[in-house]
Amino acid sequence: MVIGFLSLLCLGLCLDCDHEQKNQKLPKPSISALPRSVVERSSNVTLKCQCHVQNVTFMLGKLQDSGYEKEQSSAGHDAEFLLVNLEPKNAGIYFCAYKITGSHEWSEKSEHLQLVVTDGHDGPGASSIKTDTRIIFVTTFSCLIIFLLFPSVFLIYRCTQHDSSHEEANKRTSHSEFPQQEASDLSRPERVSLSTKDPQEGTYADLNMKAPSEAASVPAEEPPGSCECAMLTA
């Protein structure tokens, strides 16, 4: 009786644990692309899904296509989905999920994986060549701009120096002419003052100079007695 009760108790506990394990939220898996996520047209790629649980069924889905779904059972921790002869239409965002055997609930979705399918002329090598060409073009253009900028700056500097020296020369010339003009302006009032003196002063001076000469030219008058004496003696 006791043994049967214990057996039923253990069976119930096991069923409960199994039910909880099934209802428990499974951790999300991981997804990766081999050899890489950027491939050329008509090439192959392998999308690998991994989880921490064994004996699971993996599902590969595509974000842009709700009808795209691939399932694969695995006894281990991972599963590989091989995509062959890729075309641009196969590019897109992929994800994976898994479920435990006997369960209908899927785990959380993995992180998204961007698969890029490029044309043969637009592969990674072509993009690197384009990038190198752009870098070379930008470098050459920058060097040309710098080469043309230096002569322009030099010419502008020379022109400004020439203008400044010309202005200084004009200033010096104007300063040197200004004292001469002042001297001429100062001498003019003196000449005007000399010319505007009283004309009577000049007349007086002329009279004073003429008086001695007139006195010398006029003969001295003899007294009357001297003439009579001269006649008597004769």
Protein backbone atom coordinates (compact mmCIF):
# COMPACT_ATOMS: atom_id res chain seq x y z
CA MET A 1 0.00 0.00 0.00
CA VAL A 2 2.71 2.43 0.98
CA ILE A 3 4.88 1.34 -1.92
CA GLY A 4 2.06 1.94 -4.40
CA PHE A 5 1.40 5.40 -2.96
CA LEU A 6 5.07 6.35 -3.28
CA SER A 7 5.14 5.10 -6.87
CA LEU A 8 2.14 7.23 -7.78
CA LEU A 9 3.70 10.25 -6.07
CA CYS A 10 6.95 9.86 -7.98
CA LEU A 11 5.07 9.46 -11.26
CA GLY A 12 3.11 12.62 -10.62
CA LEU A 13 6.20 14.57 -9.78
CA CYS A 14 7.92 13.38 -12.93
CA LEU A 15 4.96 14.33 -15.10
CA ASP A 16 4.80 17.73 -13.43
CA CYS A 17 8.50 18.33 -14.03
CA ASP A 18 8.13 17.26 -17.64
CA HIS A 19 5.20 19.62 -18.07
CA GLU A 20 7.11 22.52 -16.51
CA GLN A 21 10.09 21.79 -18.71
CA LYS A 22 7.89 21.90 -21.79
CA ASN A 23 6.19 25.12 -20.73
CA GLN A 24 9.44 26.78 -19.71
CA LYS A 25 10.64 29.52 -22.07
CA LEU A 26 13.62 28.22 -24.02
CA PRO A 27 16.62 30.51 -24.51
CA LYS A 28 17.14 31.83 -27.99
CA PRO A 29 19.70 30.15 -30.24
CA SER A 30 22.48 31.71 -32.31
CA ILE A 31 22.92 31.88 -36.08
CA SER A 32 26.02 32.36 -38.23
CA ALA A 33 26.99 32.23 -41.91
CA LEU A 34 29.84 30.15 -43.34
CA PRO A 35 32.16 31.20 -44.89
CA ARG A 36 30.69 34.75 -44.58
CA SER A 37 27.43 36.63 -44.83
CA VAL A 38 28.45 38.56 -48.00
CA VAL A 39 28.74 36.16 -50.94
CA GLU A 40 28.82 36.39 -54.69
CA ARG A 41 26.09 35.38 -57.04
CA SER A 42 25.80 31.63 -57.90
CA SER A 43 27.86 30.71 -54.82
CA ASN A 44 26.91 28.62 -51.76
CA VAL A 45 26.56 29.52 -48.10
CA THR A 46 25.83 27.55 -44.94
CA LEU A 47 23.63 29.01 -42.20
CA LYS A 48 24.41 27.35 -38.87
CA CYS A 49 22.02 27.36 -35.89
CA GLN A 50 23.22 26.48 -32.38
CA CYS A 51 21.62 26.08 -28.92
CA HIS A 52 22.45 24.64 -25.50
CA VAL A 53 19.91 21.78 -25.66
CA GLN A 54 20.24 18.40 -27.37
CA ASN A 55 17.67 16.42 -29.33
CA VAL A 56 15.91 19.44 -30.75
CA THR A 57 14.36 20.47 -34.05
CA PHE A 58 15.73 23.62 -35.64
CA MET A 59 13.76 25.94 -37.90
CA LEU A 60 15.26 28.45 -40.35
CA GLY A 61 13.08 31.41 -41.28
CA LYS A 62 13.29 34.58 -43.37
CA LEU A 63 12.05 37.89 -42.05
CA GLN A 64 10.73 39.29 -45.34
CA ASP A 65 9.07 35.99 -46.36
CA SER A 66 6.61 34.50 -43.88
CA GLY A 67 6.22 31.37 -46.06
CA TYR A 68 9.93 30.59 -45.98
CA GLU A 69 10.56 27.91 -43.33
CA LYS A 70 12.99 25.02 -43.19
CA GLU A 71 13.16 22.45 -40.37
CA GLN A 72 15.91 20.04 -39.43
CA SER A 73 16.15 17.63 -36.48
CA SER A 74 19.45 17.31 -34.65
CA ALA A 75 20.69 14.98 -31.95
CA GLY A 76 23.32 17.48 -30.97
CA HIS A 77 23.41 21.19 -30.25
CA ASP A 78 23.44 22.56 -33.83
CA ALA A 79 22.11 22.21 -37.33
CA GLU A 80 23.38 23.44 -40.71
CA PHE A 81 21.23 24.72 -43.55
CA LEU A 82 22.97 24.74 -46.92
CA LEU A 83 21.87 27.34 -49.48
CA VAL A 84 23.21 26.69 -52.99
CA ASN A 85 23.36 28.66 -56.25
CA LEU A 86 22.42 31.90 -54.58
CA GLU A 87 20.65 34.68 -56.45
CA PRO A 88 19.92 38.29 -55.41
CA LYS A 89 16.41 37.16 -54.45
CA ASN A 90 17.95 34.86 -51.79
CA ALA A 91 19.43 37.85 -50.00
CA GLY A 92 17.65 39.03 -46.88
CA ILE A 93 17.42 38.73 -43.10
CA TYR A 94 17.44 35.18 -41.69
CA PHE A 95 16.78 33.83 -38.18
CA CYS A 96 16.42 30.45 -36.51
CA ALA A 97 14.53 28.87 -33.61
CA TYR A 98 14.25 25.40 -32.08
CA LYS A 99 11.85 23.22 -30.12
CA ILE A 100 12.30 20.20 -27.89
CA THR A 101 11.27 16.84 -29.24
CA GLY A 102 7.64 16.19 -28.40
CA SER A 103 6.87 19.89 -27.87
CA HIS A 104 5.02 22.25 -30.16
CA GLU A 105 6.39 25.50 -28.74
CA TRP A 106 9.31 27.17 -30.39
CA SER A 107 12.05 28.98 -28.58
CA GLU A 108 12.76 32.66 -28.93
CA LYS A 109 14.05 33.75 -32.31
CA SER A 110 17.77 34.21 -32.73
CA GLU A 111 19.47 37.45 -33.62
CA HIS A 112 18.93 38.50 -37.23
CA LEU A 113 21.53 37.64 -39.86
CA GLN A 114 21.82 39.84 -42.96
CA LEU A 115 22.71 37.77 -46.02
CA VAL A 116 24.04 39.84 -48.95
CA VAL A 117 24.32 38.41 -52.46
CA THR A 118 26.43 40.56 -54.77
CA ASP A 119 27.10 40.48 -58.48
CA GLY A 120 30.51 39.34 -59.65
CA HIS A 121 31.50 42.93 -60.55
CA ASP A 122 30.19 44.38 -57.30
CA GLY A 123 31.87 42.04 -54.85
CA PRO A 124 34.06 43.06 -51.89
CA GLY A 125 37.08 43.39 -54.18
CA ALA A 126 35.26 45.74 -56.52
CA SER A 127 34.01 47.85 -53.62
CA SER A 128 37.53 48.10 -52.23
CA ILE A 129 38.82 49.14 -55.66
CA LYS A 130 36.12 51.83 -55.87
CA THR A 131 37.03 53.01 -52.40
CA ASP A 132 40.73 53.20 -53.30
CA THR A 133 39.89 55.11 -56.47
CA ARG A 134 37.82 57.63 -54.53
CA ILE A 135 40.61 58.08 -52.00
CA ILE A 136 43.16 58.66 -54.77
CA PHE A 137 40.84 61.15 -56.51
CA VAL A 138 40.17 63.08 -53.30
CA THR A 139 43.88 63.15 -52.43
CA THR A 140 44.86 64.37 -55.91
CA PHE A 141 42.18 67.04 -55.91
CA SER A 142 43.22 68.26 -52.46
CA CYS A 143 46.88 68.49 -53.51
CA LEU A 144 45.89 70.43 -56.64
CA ILE A 145 43.83 72.88 -54.60
CA ILE A 146 46.71 73.41 -52.16
CA PHE A 147 49.17 73.84 -55.06
CA LEU A 148 46.98 76.55 -56.61
CA LEU A 149 46.21 78.18 -53.28
CA PHE A 150 49.81 78.99 -52.33
CA PRO A 151 50.58 81.11 -55.46
CA SER A 152 47.29 82.94 -55.04
CA VAL A 153 48.08 83.78 -51.44
CA PHE A 154 51.58 84.90 -52.43
CA LEU A 155 50.27 87.18 -55.19
CA ILE A 156 47.69 88.70 -52.87
CA TYR A 157 50.40 89.32 -50.28
CA ARG A 158 52.66 90.99 -52.85
CA CYS A 159 49.83 93.19 -54.09
CA THR A 160 48.96 94.31 -50.58
CA GLN A 161 52.62 95.02 -49.83
CA HIS A 162 52.93 97.05 -53.05
CA ASP A 163 49.82 99.07 -52.24
CA SER A 164 50.99 99.74 -48.70
CA SER A 165 54.45 100.87 -49.89
CA HIS A 166 52.82 103.12 -52.51
CA GLU A 167 50.60 104.69 -49.84
CA GLU A 168 53.60 105.24 -47.56
CA ALA A 169 55.50 106.93 -50.42
CA ASN A 170 52.53 109.21 -51.09
CA LYS A 171 52.33 110.07 -47.41
CA ARG A 172 56.03 110.89 -47.28
CA THR A 173 55.75 113.09 -50.39
CA SER A 174 52.78 114.93 -48.97
CA HIS A 175 54.63 115.46 -45.67
CA SER A 176 57.72 116.82 -47.47
CA GLU A 177 55.65 119.23 -49.58
CA PHE A 178 53.67 120.49 -46.63
CA PRO A 179 56.57 122.40 -44.91
CA GLN A 180 57.53 124.03 -48.23
CA GLN A 181 53.98 125.15 -48.71
CA GLU A 182 53.89 126.49 -45.18
CA ALA A 183 57.14 128.41 -45.78
CA SER A 184 55.78 129.89 -49.00
CA ASP A 185 52.55 130.78 -47.25
CA LEU A 186 54.47 132.44 -44.45
CA SER A 187 56.65 134.47 -46.87
CA ARG A 188 53.65 135.79 -48.71
CA PRO A 189 52.31 137.96 -45.83
CA GLU A 190 55.77 139.51 -45.41
CA ARG A 191 55.86 140.49 -49.06
CA VAL A 192 52.35 141.77 -48.88
CA SER A 193 53.19 143.76 -45.75
CA LEU A 194 56.23 145.28 -47.43
CA SER A 195 54.25 146.21 -50.47
CA THR A 196 51.43 147.68 -48.40
CA LYS A 197 53.63 150.09 -46.39
CA ASP A 198 52.78 153.83 -46.34
CA PRO A 199 53.88 155.41 -49.64
CA GLN A 200 54.65 158.65 -47.83
CA GLU A 201 57.54 156.98 -46.03
CA GLY A 202 59.11 156.20 -49.35
CA THR A 203 58.55 159.81 -50.45
CA TYR A 204 60.19 161.17 -47.33
CA ALA A 205 63.19 159.01 -47.81
CA ASP A 206 63.51 160.09 -51.41
CA LEU A 207 63.31 163.73 -50.38
CA ASN A 208 65.99 163.25 -47.76
CA MET A 209 68.30 161.70 -50.33
CA LYS A 210 67.53 164.32 -52.96
CA ALA A 211 68.15 167.30 -50.62
CA PRO A 212 71.97 167.03 -50.41
CA SER A 213 72.22 166.54 -54.16
CA GLU A 214 70.11 169.64 -54.83
CA ALA A 215 72.12 171.61 -52.33
CA ALA A 216 75.32 170.67 -54.10
CA SER A 217 73.94 171.61 -57.50
CA VAL A 218 72.68 175.08 -56.46
CA PRO A 219 75.59 177.71 -56.54
CA ALA A 220 76.28 179.64 -53.38
CA GLU A 221 75.13 183.32 -53.47
CA GLU A 222 77.86 185.93 -52.93
CA PRO A 223 77.20 188.76 -50.59
CA PRO A 224 76.70 192.26 -52.23
CA GLY A 225 79.72 193.84 -50.62
CA SER A 226 82.09 191.36 -52.16
CA CYS A 227 81.00 192.30 -55.68
CA GLU A 228 81.53 196.02 -55.09
CA CYS A 229 84.98 195.44 -53.65
CA ALA A 230 85.88 193.51 -56.72
CA MET A 231 84.80 196.30 -59.01
CA LEU A 232 86.81 198.94 -57.11
CA THR A 233 89.95 197.02 -57.22
CA ALA A 234 89.56 196.55 -60.89
